[in-house]
């Protein structure tokens, strides 16, 4: 029996898109970036696709590697929505 596909959280998708955008602006490939951060490349891909609810410590590592503030990784608050299920 197949497990039901878990619906992605739109805020995690937007966060992942912002991380991907910033990574590309800093001229990192996903593979080289994951290596620099110390995160598995497949996990990093999941973050950028909004499939992972990334821990704060990993966000800090990503921000330090990109040389940006953690808050810069988040999309503007008006683009986020409060969902009944987190």
Protein backbone atom coordinates (compact mmCIF):
# COMPACT_ATOMS: atom_id res chain seq x y z
CA UNK A 1 0.00 0.00 0.00
CA UNK A 2 1.39 3.40 -0.99
CA UNK A 3 1.70 6.17 1.55
CA UNK A 4 -0.26 9.31 0.68
CA UNK A 5 1.88 12.10 -0.72
CA UNK A 6 2.35 14.80 1.89
CA UNK A 7 1.33 18.21 0.58
CA UNK A 8 4.18 20.73 0.54
CA UNK A 9 3.93 23.77 2.77
CA UNK A 10 3.81 26.88 0.58
CA UNK A 11 6.01 28.83 2.99
CA UNK A 12 8.73 26.16 2.81
CA UNK A 13 8.52 26.31 -0.98
CA UNK A 14 8.99 30.10 -0.90
CA UNK A 15 11.88 29.79 1.57
CA UNK A 16 13.54 27.20 -0.68
CA UNK A 17 13.09 29.43 -3.71
CA UNK A 18 14.71 32.34 -1.86
CA UNK A 19 17.65 30.17 -0.79
CA UNK A 20 18.10 28.91 -4.37
CA UNK A 21 17.94 32.46 -5.75
CA UNK A 22 20.55 33.69 -3.26
CA UNK A 23 22.79 30.66 -3.89
CA UNK A 24 22.73 31.30 -7.63
CA UNK A 25 23.45 35.03 -7.13
CA UNK A 26 26.57 33.97 -5.22
CA UNK A 27 27.55 31.67 -8.13
CA UNK A 28 27.35 28.39 -6.23
CA UNK A 29 26.26 25.17 -7.89
CA UNK A 30 23.94 23.19 -5.65
CA UNK A 31 26.60 20.50 -5.21
CA UNK A 32 29.46 22.86 -4.31
CA UNK A 33 27.18 24.86 -2.04
CA UNK A 34 26.00 21.79 -0.15
CA UNK A 35 29.64 20.77 0.32
CA UNK A 36 30.59 24.22 1.68
CA UNK A 37 27.61 24.24 4.06
CA UNK A 38 28.28 20.68 5.19
CA UNK A 39 24.84 19.43 4.15
CA UNK A 40 24.15 16.47 1.88
CA UNK A 41 23.37 17.59 -1.69
CA UNK A 42 20.10 15.63 -1.81
CA UNK A 43 18.99 17.23 1.47
CA UNK A 44 19.87 20.67 0.06
CA UNK A 45 17.79 19.89 -3.01
CA UNK A 46 14.87 18.99 -0.75
CA UNK A 47 15.25 22.32 1.06
CA UNK A 48 15.23 24.25 -2.20
CA UNK A 49 12.13 22.37 -3.40
CA UNK A 50 10.30 23.05 -0.13
CA UNK A 51 10.25 19.38 0.85
CA UNK A 52 12.23 19.84 4.07
CA UNK A 53 11.35 21.82 7.18
CA UNK A 54 14.90 22.99 7.72
CA UNK A 55 16.30 23.44 11.23
CA UNK A 56 17.40 26.86 12.45
CA UNK A 57 21.00 25.70 12.82
CA UNK A 58 21.10 24.68 9.17
CA UNK A 59 19.64 28.05 8.16
CA UNK A 60 22.44 29.73 10.10
CA UNK A 61 25.04 27.57 8.32
CA UNK A 62 23.50 28.43 4.93
CA UNK A 63 23.45 32.17 5.73
CA UNK A 64 27.08 32.11 6.92
CA UNK A 65 28.18 30.31 3.75
CA UNK A 66 26.30 32.83 1.58
CA UNK A 67 27.59 35.72 3.72
CA UNK A 68 24.05 37.07 4.23
CA UNK A 69 21.80 37.61 7.23
CA UNK A 70 19.48 34.72 8.09
CA UNK A 71 16.52 37.03 7.51
CA UNK A 72 17.67 37.64 3.94
CA UNK A 73 16.87 33.99 3.19
CA UNK A 74 13.18 34.51 3.92
CA UNK A 75 10.78 35.97 1.38
CA UNK A 76 8.92 39.16 2.39
CA UNK A 77 6.36 38.42 5.11
CA UNK A 78 3.50 39.66 2.91
CA UNK A 79 4.25 36.78 0.52
CA UNK A 80 3.91 34.20 3.30
CA UNK A 81 0.64 32.87 4.61
CA UNK A 82 -0.42 31.36 7.87
CA UNK A 83 -1.64 27.85 7.29
CA UNK A 84 -3.82 25.93 9.70
CA UNK A 85 -1.44 22.94 9.60
CA UNK A 86 2.29 23.46 9.95
